[in-house]
Amino acid sequence: MDLAYREMGTGTPLVLLHAFPLSSAMWLSQREGLSGLCRVITPDLRGFGGSPLGEDEPSLDASADDVAALLDKLDLDRVVLGGLSMGGYVAMAFLRRHPDRVSALVLADTKAGADPEPVKANRERIAAAVVEDGSTVLAADVLPTLTGRTTAASRPMAAGRVRALVQAAPAPAVAWAQRAMAARPDSFDTLRAFDRPSLVVVGDEDELSSPADAQAMVEALPDARLAVIREAGHLTAVETPEAFTAEVAGFLVELAERPS
């Protein structure tokens, strides 16, 4: 799969994987804000943005292998890998399949556990409904959960941007991604085996991937720290872009200062 991508900057490659059901457009502030520190590469995961969906059965492993193929295309052996929400799930799948290609890890507003059965059933319900009715179910059931109460109350520009990105999501990609996420395995053992530096970011108003979920990942990772962003929900990078970018920038500086 040949993924579309956007990039800015030079130096250490940082690959950021986007949330469901958005695209690499969500990383605009990070591309601009981090490009002075590193080479920021933001792919569109299959089916979203400019990337084709393809014929593969729904699987985050397929998405992870897409990212590996992009790294091959860009002649990159190892990268700092980051993902938010679904992007975090893909990052963990990438760790399972291509662990030697990750020099450091950023996991934001995501979780390492597999979906319980009620959540799997709800994903299938949304997948079926979006194919039948288009984006109506996304606006009703998914959109309200993506941002925190502070954004809903006082950040109309951010809330409107999230709505526009959600509305742009193609129905087949939404259904494929929901089914891929539902089938994902528990990733705690994968995190325990990753001994390189890691940053875990979470919004304190995130109700989909809670601060407790973030803390559990920090405890599993051998070399990790937690950053809690205040007054942000599930899409910290879009709701509070300056705070999110500052956390990642600080992590990149820490990496540069570590003994090689």
C-alpha atoms as a PDB file:
ATOM      1  CA  MET A   1       0.000   0.000   0.000  1.00  0.00           C
ATOM      2  CA  ASP A   2       1.420   3.359  -1.078  1.00  0.00           C
ATOM      3  CA  LEU A   3       0.396   5.847   1.618  1.00  0.00           C
ATOM      4  CA  ALA A   4      -0.024   9.545   0.982  1.00  0.00           C
ATOM      5  CA  TYR A   5       1.862  11.706   3.468  1.00  0.00           C
ATOM      6  CA  ARG A   6       2.860  15.244   4.364  1.00  0.00           C
ATOM      7  CA  GLU A   7       6.191  16.260   5.848  1.00  0.00           C
ATOM      8  CA  MET A   8       8.143  19.296   7.051  1.00  0.00           C
ATOM      9  CA  GLY A   9      11.588  19.861   8.509  1.00  0.00           C
ATOM     10  CA  THR A  10      14.889  18.014   8.507  1.00  0.00           C
ATOM     11  CA  GLY A  11      16.878  15.869  10.887  1.00  0.00           C
ATOM     12  CA  THR A  12      15.624  13.070  13.134  1.00  0.00           C
ATOM     13  CA  PRO A  13      12.528  11.541  11.522  1.00  0.00           C
ATOM     14  CA  LEU A  14       9.340  11.706  13.616  1.00  0.00           C
ATOM     15  CA  VAL A  15       6.386   9.781  12.174  1.00  0.00           C
ATOM     16  CA  LEU A  16       2.980  10.776  13.573  1.00  0.00           C
ATOM     17  CA  LEU A  17      -0.048   8.528  12.963  1.00  0.00           C
ATOM     18  CA  HIS A  18      -3.464  10.148  13.060  1.00  0.00           C
ATOM     19  CA  ALA A  19      -6.624   9.450  15.037  1.00  0.00           C
ATOM     20  CA  PHE A  20      -9.865   7.843  13.876  1.00  0.00           C
ATOM     21  CA  PRO A  21     -11.658   8.994  11.773  1.00  0.00           C
ATOM     22  CA  LEU A  22      -9.396  11.885  10.800  1.00  0.00           C
ATOM     23  CA  SER A  23      -6.392  12.170   8.472  1.00  0.00           C
ATOM     24  CA  SER A  24      -2.886  13.582   8.557  1.00  0.00           C
ATOM     25  CA  ALA A  25      -4.486  17.024   8.277  1.00  0.00           C
ATOM     26  CA  MET A  26      -4.956  16.872  12.060  1.00  0.00           C
ATOM     27  CA  TRP A  27      -1.168  17.249  12.508  1.00  0.00           C
ATOM     28  CA  LEU A  28      -0.867  20.678  10.851  1.00  0.00           C
ATOM     29  CA  SER A  29       0.207  22.465  14.035  1.00  0.00           C
ATOM     30  CA  GLN A  30       2.716  19.734  14.877  1.00  0.00           C
ATOM     31  CA  ARG A  31       4.270  19.776  11.402  1.00  0.00           C
ATOM     32  CA  GLU A  32       4.768  23.506  11.713  1.00  0.00           C
ATOM     33  CA  GLY A  33       5.706  23.549  15.393  1.00  0.00           C
ATOM     34  CA  LEU A  34       8.179  20.658  15.388  1.00  0.00           C
ATOM     35  CA  SER A  35       9.811  21.113  11.994  1.00  0.00           C
ATOM     36  CA  GLY A  36      12.607  23.173  13.536  1.00  0.00           C
ATOM     37  CA  LEU A  37      13.588  20.199  15.694  1.00  0.00           C
ATOM     38  CA  CYS A  38      13.080  17.236  13.394  1.00  0.00           C
ATOM     39  CA  ARG A  39      11.687  15.902  10.151  1.00  0.00           C
ATOM     40  CA  VAL A  40       7.952  15.471  10.791  1.00  0.00           C
ATOM     41  CA  ILE A  41       6.290  12.838   8.582  1.00  0.00           C
ATOM     42  CA  THR A  42       2.513  12.422   8.815  1.00  0.00           C
ATOM     43  CA  PRO A  43       0.979   9.641   6.710  1.00  0.00           C
ATOM     44  CA  ASP A  44      -2.676   9.201   5.825  1.00  0.00           C
ATOM     45  CA  LEU A  45      -3.541   5.721   7.084  1.00  0.00           C
ATOM     46  CA  ARG A  46      -5.219   3.519   4.497  1.00  0.00           C
ATOM     47  CA  GLY A  47      -8.562   4.795   3.286  1.00  0.00           C
ATOM     48  CA  PHE A  48      -8.210   8.239   4.881  1.00  0.00           C
ATOM     49  CA  GLY A  49      -6.987  11.483   3.355  1.00  0.00           C
ATOM     50  CA  GLY A  50      -5.147  10.740   0.136  1.00  0.00           C
ATOM     51  CA  SER A  51      -4.432   7.030   0.772  1.00  0.00           C
ATOM     52  CA  PRO A  52      -6.335   4.234  -0.974  1.00  0.00           C
ATOM     53  CA  LEU A  53      -8.190   1.629   1.096  1.00  0.00           C
ATOM     54  CA  GLY A  54      -7.083  -1.431  -0.828  1.00  0.00           C
ATOM     55  CA  GLU A  55      -8.541  -4.923  -0.686  1.00  0.00           C
ATOM     56  CA  ASP A  56      -7.016  -6.313   2.530  1.00  0.00           C
ATOM     57  CA  GLU A  57      -9.225  -7.565   5.328  1.00  0.00           C
ATOM     58  CA  PRO A  58      -9.482  -5.131   8.266  1.00  0.00           C
ATOM     59  CA  SER A  59      -6.299  -5.397  10.336  1.00  0.00           C
ATOM     60  CA  LEU A  60      -4.074  -2.959  12.172  1.00  0.00           C
ATOM     61  CA  ASP A  61      -1.178  -5.203  11.177  1.00  0.00           C
ATOM     62  CA  ALA A  62      -1.873  -4.234   7.561  1.00  0.00           C
ATOM     63  CA  SER A  63      -1.800  -0.570   8.555  1.00  0.00           C
ATOM     64  CA  ALA A  64       1.470  -1.090  10.418  1.00  0.00           C
ATOM     65  CA  ASP A  65       3.016  -2.766   7.395  1.00  0.00           C
ATOM     66  CA  ASP A  66       1.837   0.181   5.266  1.00  0.00           C
ATOM     67  CA  VAL A  67       3.877   2.465   7.521  1.00  0.00           C
ATOM     68  CA  ALA A  68       6.900   0.173   7.206  1.00  0.00           C
ATOM     69  CA  ALA A  69       6.569   0.318   3.432  1.00  0.00           C
ATOM     70  CA  LEU A  70       6.510   4.119   3.604  1.00  0.00           C
ATOM     71  CA  LEU A  71       9.700   4.088   5.673  1.00  0.00           C
ATOM     72  CA  ASP A  72      11.285   1.855   3.033  1.00  0.00           C
ATOM     73  CA  LYS A  73      10.211   4.308   0.338  1.00  0.00           C
ATOM     74  CA  LEU A  74      11.758   7.182   2.307  1.00  0.00           C
ATOM     75  CA  ASP A  75      14.913   5.133   3.005  1.00  0.00           C
ATOM     76  CA  LEU A  76      14.463   5.402   6.775  1.00  0.00           C
ATOM     77  CA  ASP A  77      15.735   2.542   8.910  1.00  0.00           C
ATOM     78  CA  ARG A  78      14.567   3.857  12.299  1.00  0.00           C
ATOM     79  CA  VAL A  79      12.236   6.613  13.411  1.00  0.00           C
ATOM     80  CA  VAL A  80      10.664   8.161  16.448  1.00  0.00           C
ATOM     81  CA  LEU A  81       7.123   6.796  16.115  1.00  0.00           C
ATOM     82  CA  GLY A  82       4.055   8.530  17.486  1.00  0.00           C
ATOM     83  CA  GLY A  83       0.351   7.861  17.288  1.00  0.00           C
ATOM     84  CA  LEU A  84      -2.814   9.334  18.738  1.00  0.00           C
ATOM     85  CA  SER A  85      -5.916   7.207  19.378  1.00  0.00           C
ATOM     86  CA  MET A  86      -6.160   4.785  16.415  1.00  0.00           C
ATOM     87  CA  GLY A  87      -2.695   5.984  15.434  1.00  0.00           C
ATOM     88  CA  GLY A  88      -1.477   4.698  18.783  1.00  0.00           C
ATOM     89  CA  TYR A  89      -3.011   1.295  18.058  1.00  0.00           C
ATOM     90  CA  VAL A  90      -1.180   1.222  14.729  1.00  0.00           C
ATOM     91  CA  ALA A  91       2.034   2.285  16.461  1.00  0.00           C
ATOM     92  CA  MET A  92       1.711  -0.639  18.876  1.00  0.00           C
ATOM     93  CA  ALA A  93       1.050  -3.012  15.973  1.00  0.00           C
ATOM     94  CA  PHE A  94       4.165  -1.588  14.322  1.00  0.00           C
ATOM     95  CA  LEU A  95       6.129  -2.318  17.504  1.00  0.00           C
ATOM     96  CA  ARG A  96       4.988  -5.939  17.390  1.00  0.00           C
ATOM     97  CA  ARG A  97       5.962  -6.367  13.758  1.00  0.00           C
ATOM     98  CA  HIS A  98       8.920  -4.011  13.271  1.00  0.00           C
ATOM     99  CA  PRO A  99      10.401  -3.319  16.735  1.00  0.00           C
ATOM    100  CA  ASP A 100      13.929  -2.604  15.511  1.00  0.00           C
ATOM    101  CA  ARG A 101      12.694   0.317  13.426  1.00  0.00           C
ATOM    102  CA  VAL A 102      11.507   2.390  16.415  1.00  0.00           C
ATOM    103  CA  SER A 103      14.097   4.461  18.274  1.00  0.00           C
ATOM    104  CA  ALA A 104      11.583   6.123  20.605  1.00  0.00           C
ATOM    105  CA  LEU A 105       7.811   6.118  21.064  1.00  0.00           C
ATOM    106  CA  VAL A 106       5.022   8.652  21.613  1.00  0.00           C
ATOM    107  CA  LEU A 107       1.582   7.294  22.522  1.00  0.00           C
ATOM    108  CA  ALA A 108      -1.218   9.838  22.904  1.00  0.00           C
ATOM    109  CA  ASP A 109      -4.823   9.344  23.982  1.00  0.00           C
ATOM    110  CA  THR A 110      -4.747   5.629  23.298  1.00  0.00           C
ATOM    111  CA  LYS A 111      -4.766   2.396  25.284  1.00  0.00           C
ATOM    112  CA  ALA A 112      -2.942  -0.938  25.251  1.00  0.00           C
ATOM    113  CA  GLY A 113      -5.821  -3.212  26.186  1.00  0.00           C
ATOM    114  CA  ALA A 114      -7.996  -5.044  23.684  1.00  0.00           C
ATOM    115  CA  ASP A 115     -11.630  -4.024  23.298  1.00  0.00           C
ATOM    116  CA  PRO A 116     -14.129  -5.735  25.598  1.00  0.00           C
ATOM    117  CA  GLU A 117     -17.040  -7.418  23.848  1.00  0.00           C
ATOM    118  CA  PRO A 118     -19.547  -4.527  24.234  1.00  0.00           C
ATOM    119  CA  VAL A 119     -17.057  -2.137  22.628  1.00  0.00           C
ATOM    120  CA  LYS A 120     -16.420  -4.569  19.774  1.00  0.00           C
ATOM    121  CA  ALA A 121     -20.171  -4.837  19.205  1.00  0.00           C
ATOM    122  CA  ASN A 122     -20.530  -1.059  19.149  1.00  0.00           C
ATOM    123  CA  ARG A 123     -17.700  -0.773  16.604  1.00  0.00           C
ATOM    124  CA  GLU A 124     -19.483  -3.252  14.355  1.00  0.00           C
ATOM    125  CA  ARG A 125     -22.749  -1.331  14.769  1.00  0.00           C
ATOM    126  CA  ILE A 126     -21.055   1.896  13.692  1.00  0.00           C
ATOM    127  CA  ALA A 127     -19.256   0.160  10.809  1.00  0.00           C
ATOM    128  CA  ALA A 128     -22.530  -1.217   9.453  1.00  0.00           C
ATOM    129  CA  ALA A 129     -24.407   2.040   9.986  1.00  0.00           C
ATOM    130  CA  VAL A 130     -21.827   4.252   8.287  1.00  0.00           C
ATOM    131  CA  VAL A 131     -21.861   2.097   5.164  1.00  0.00           C
ATOM    132  CA  GLU A 132     -25.660   2.277   5.077  1.00  0.00           C
ATOM    133  CA  ASP A 133     -26.256   5.870   6.142  1.00  0.00           C
ATOM    134  CA  GLY A 134     -22.996   7.721   5.582  1.00  0.00           C
ATOM    135  CA  SER A 135     -21.620  10.121   8.167  1.00  0.00           C
ATOM    136  CA  THR A 136     -24.862  10.513  10.146  1.00  0.00           C
ATOM    137  CA  VAL A 137     -23.814   7.968  12.754  1.00  0.00           C
ATOM    138  CA  LEU A 138     -20.377   9.582  13.063  1.00  0.00           C
ATOM    139  CA  ALA A 139     -21.895  12.969  13.834  1.00  0.00           C
ATOM    140  CA  ALA A 140     -24.312  11.473  16.342  1.00  0.00           C
ATOM    141  CA  ASP A 141     -22.222   8.819  18.086  1.00  0.00           C
ATOM    142  CA  VAL A 142     -18.521   9.453  17.470  1.00  0.00           C
ATOM    143  CA  LEU A 143     -18.025  13.212  17.171  1.00  0.00           C
ATOM    144  CA  PRO A 144     -19.300  14.120  20.680  1.00  0.00           C
ATOM    145  CA  THR A 145     -16.743  11.773  22.285  1.00  0.00           C
ATOM    146  CA  LEU A 146     -13.688  13.131  20.482  1.00  0.00           C
ATOM    147  CA  THR A 147     -13.257  16.448  22.280  1.00  0.00           C
ATOM    148  CA  GLY A 148     -13.343  17.417  25.939  1.00  0.00           C
ATOM    149  CA  ARG A 149     -15.888  19.562  27.700  1.00  0.00           C
ATOM    150  CA  THR A 150     -13.579  22.605  27.678  1.00  0.00           C
ATOM    151  CA  THR A 151     -13.211  22.456  23.900  1.00  0.00           C
ATOM    152  CA  ALA A 152     -16.969  21.997  23.462  1.00  0.00           C
ATOM    153  CA  ALA A 153     -17.627  25.028  25.659  1.00  0.00           C
ATOM    154  CA  SER A 154     -14.882  27.457  24.704  1.00  0.00           C
ATOM    155  CA  ARG A 155     -12.945  26.410  21.574  1.00  0.00           C
ATOM    156  CA  PRO A 156     -15.343  26.724  18.648  1.00  0.00           C
ATOM    157  CA  MET A 157     -12.547  26.811  16.065  1.00  0.00           C
ATOM    158  CA  ALA A 158     -11.043  23.540  17.280  1.00  0.00           C
ATOM    159  CA  ALA A 159     -14.445  21.888  17.597  1.00  0.00           C
ATOM    160  CA  GLY A 160     -15.378  23.010  14.093  1.00  0.00           C
ATOM    161  CA  ARG A 161     -12.109  21.704  12.686  1.00  0.00           C
ATOM    162  CA  VAL A 162     -12.697  18.296  14.255  1.00  0.00           C
ATOM    163  CA  ARG A 163     -16.219  18.221  12.855  1.00  0.00           C
ATOM    164  CA  ALA A 164     -14.967  19.026   9.347  1.00  0.00           C
ATOM    165  CA  LEU A 165     -12.305  16.319   9.528  1.00  0.00           C
ATOM    166  CA  VAL A 166     -14.837  13.749  10.723  1.00  0.00           C
ATOM    167  CA  GLN A 167     -17.298  14.693   7.993  1.00  0.00           C
ATOM    168  CA  ALA A 168     -14.574  14.192   5.379  1.00  0.00           C
ATOM    169  CA  ALA A 169     -13.972  10.569   6.406  1.00  0.00           C
ATOM    170  CA  PRO A 170     -14.970   8.083   3.666  1.00  0.00           C
ATOM    171  CA  ALA A 171     -17.540   5.535   4.825  1.00  0.00           C
ATOM    172  CA  PRO A 172     -15.614   2.450   3.591  1.00  0.00           C
ATOM    173  CA  ALA A 173     -12.490   3.570   5.478  1.00  0.00           C
ATOM    174  CA  VAL A 174     -14.491   4.232   8.636  1.00  0.00           C
ATOM    175  CA  ALA A 175     -16.015   0.755   8.525  1.00  0.00           C
ATOM    176  CA  TRP A 176     -12.664  -0.901   7.768  1.00  0.00           C
ATOM    177  CA  ALA A 177     -10.922   0.936  10.587  1.00  0.00           C
ATOM    178  CA  GLN A 178     -13.632   0.164  13.132  1.00  0.00           C
ATOM    179  CA  ARG A 179     -13.387  -3.543  12.341  1.00  0.00           C
ATOM    180  CA  ALA A 180      -9.585  -3.428  12.417  1.00  0.00           C
ATOM    181  CA  MET A 181      -9.594  -1.758  15.825  1.00  0.00           C
ATOM    182  CA  ALA A 182     -12.133  -4.244  17.172  1.00  0.00           C
ATOM    183  CA  ALA A 183      -9.850  -7.133  16.187  1.00  0.00           C
ATOM    184  CA  ARG A 184      -6.688  -5.743  17.763  1.00  0.00           C
ATOM    185  CA  PRO A 185      -4.964  -7.800  20.490  1.00  0.00           C
ATOM    186  CA  ASP A 186      -3.827  -6.705  23.925  1.00  0.00           C
ATOM    187  CA  SER A 187      -0.498  -4.855  23.561  1.00  0.00           C
ATOM    188  CA  PHE A 188       0.827  -4.740  27.117  1.00  0.00           C
ATOM    189  CA  ASP A 189       3.443  -7.433  26.459  1.00  0.00           C
ATOM    190  CA  THR A 190       4.570  -5.480  23.395  1.00  0.00           C
ATOM    191  CA  LEU A 191       5.063  -2.377  25.529  1.00  0.00           C
ATOM    192  CA  ARG A 192       6.917  -4.320  28.236  1.00  0.00           C
ATOM    193  CA  ALA A 193       9.383  -5.517  25.600  1.00  0.00           C
ATOM    194  CA  PHE A 194      10.104  -1.989  24.300  1.00  0.00           C
ATOM    195  CA  ASP A 195      13.038  -0.673  26.329  1.00  0.00           C
ATOM    196  CA  ARG A 196      13.656   2.581  24.473  1.00  0.00           C
ATOM    197  CA  PRO A 197      12.455   6.047  25.564  1.00  0.00           C
ATOM    198  CA  SER A 198       8.707   6.617  25.500  1.00  0.00           C
ATOM    199  CA  LEU A 199       6.341   9.513  26.104  1.00  0.00           C
ATOM    200  CA  VAL A 200       2.683   8.909  26.958  1.00  0.00           C
ATOM    201  CA  VAL A 201       0.342  11.890  26.551  1.00  0.00           C
ATOM    202  CA  VAL A 202      -3.293  12.119  27.629  1.00  0.00           C
ATOM    203  CA  GLY A 203      -5.908  14.817  28.024  1.00  0.00           C
ATOM    204  CA  ASP A 204      -7.322  15.083  31.519  1.00  0.00           C
ATOM    205  CA  GLU A 205     -10.826  15.222  30.010  1.00  0.00           C
ATOM    206  CA  ASP A 206     -10.330  12.196  27.723  1.00  0.00           C
ATOM    207  CA  GLU A 207     -13.212   9.780  28.312  1.00  0.00           C
ATOM    208  CA  LEU A 208     -12.284   7.324  25.531  1.00  0.00           C
ATOM    209  CA  SER A 209      -8.684   6.687  26.595  1.00  0.00           C
ATOM    210  CA  SER A 210      -8.506   7.853  30.167  1.00  0.00           C
ATOM    211  CA  PRO A 211      -5.581   9.061  32.261  1.00  0.00           C
ATOM    212  CA  ALA A 212      -5.779   5.682  34.014  1.00  0.00           C
ATOM    213  CA  ASP A 213      -5.264   3.952  30.645  1.00  0.00           C
ATOM    214  CA  ALA A 214      -2.267   6.205  30.032  1.00  0.00           C
ATOM    215  CA  GLN A 215      -0.806   5.436  33.447  1.00  0.00           C
ATOM    216  CA  ALA A 216      -1.147   1.713  32.774  1.00  0.00           C
ATOM    217  CA  MET A 217       0.933   2.087  29.614  1.00  0.00           C
ATOM    218  CA  VAL A 218       3.587   4.086  31.478  1.00  0.00           C
ATOM    219  CA  GLU A 219       3.815   1.332  34.061  1.00  0.00           C
ATOM    220  CA  ALA A 220       4.221  -1.302  31.336  1.00  0.00           C
ATOM    221  CA  LEU A 221       6.888   0.580  29.385  1.00  0.00           C
ATOM    222  CA  PRO A 222      10.392   0.214  30.876  1.00  0.00           C
ATOM    223  CA  ASP A 223      11.506   3.782  30.062  1.00  0.00           C
ATOM    224  CA  ALA A 224       8.507   6.092  29.909  1.00  0.00           C
ATOM    225  CA  ARG A 225       7.066   9.249  31.394  1.00  0.00           C
ATOM    226  CA  LEU A 226       3.537  10.601  31.454  1.00  0.00           C
ATOM    227  CA  ALA A 227       2.330  14.028  30.309  1.00  0.00           C
ATOM    228  CA  VAL A 228      -1.232  15.010  31.246  1.00  0.00           C
ATOM    229  CA  ILE A 229      -2.600  17.945  29.268  1.00  0.00           C
ATOM    230  CA  ARG A 230      -5.161  20.005  31.114  1.00  0.00           C
ATOM    231  CA  GLU A 231      -8.524  20.947  29.653  1.00  0.00           C
ATOM    232  CA  ALA A 232      -8.165  18.565  26.702  1.00  0.00           C
ATOM    233  CA  GLY A 233     -10.177  15.538  25.669  1.00  0.00           C
ATOM    234  CA  HIS A 234      -9.373  12.726  23.259  1.00  0.00           C
ATOM    235  CA  LEU A 235      -7.796  14.846  20.507  1.00  0.00           C
ATOM    236  CA  THR A 236      -5.137  16.687  22.481  1.00  0.00           C
ATOM    237  CA  ALA A 237      -3.080  17.528  19.390  1.00  0.00           C
ATOM    238  CA  VAL A 238      -6.042  19.381  17.847  1.00  0.00           C
ATOM    239  CA  GLU A 239      -7.746  20.752  20.969  1.00  0.00           C
ATOM    240  CA  THR A 240      -4.590  22.061  22.663  1.00  0.00           C
ATOM    241  CA  PRO A 241      -1.984  22.045  19.883  1.00  0.00           C
ATOM    242  CA  GLU A 242       0.516  24.314  21.604  1.00  0.00           C
ATOM    243  CA  ALA A 243       0.583  22.216  24.780  1.00  0.00           C
ATOM    244  CA  PHE A 244       0.784  18.949  22.855  1.00  0.00           C
ATOM    245  CA  THR A 245       3.565  20.207  20.594  1.00  0.00           C
ATOM    246  CA  ALA A 246       5.493  21.501  23.593  1.00  0.00           C
ATOM    247  CA  GLU A 247       5.368  18.069  25.261  1.00  0.00           C
ATOM    248  CA  VAL A 248       6.648  16.331  22.143  1.00  0.00           C
ATOM    249  CA  ALA A 249       9.302  19.006  21.592  1.00  0.00           C
ATOM    250  CA  GLY A 250      10.544  18.532  25.139  1.00  0.00           C
ATOM    251  CA  PHE A 251      10.736  14.789  24.582  1.00  0.00           C
ATOM    252  CA  LEU A 252      12.745  15.283  21.386  1.00  0.00           C
ATOM    253  CA  VAL A 253      15.182  17.545  23.235  1.00  0.00           C
ATOM    254  CA  GLU A 254      15.547  14.887  25.940  1.00  0.00           C
ATOM    255  CA  LEU A 255      16.316  12.302  23.276  1.00  0.00           C
ATOM    256  CA  ALA A 256      18.989  14.527  21.724  1.00  0.00           C
ATOM    257  CA  GLU A 257      20.625  15.040  25.127  1.00  0.00           C
ATOM    258  CA  ARG A 258      20.814  11.342  25.998  1.00  0.00           C
ATOM    259  CA  PRO A 259      24.150   9.603  25.604  1.00  0.00           C
ATOM    260  CA  SER A 260      24.291   7.751  22.303  1.00  0.00           C
END
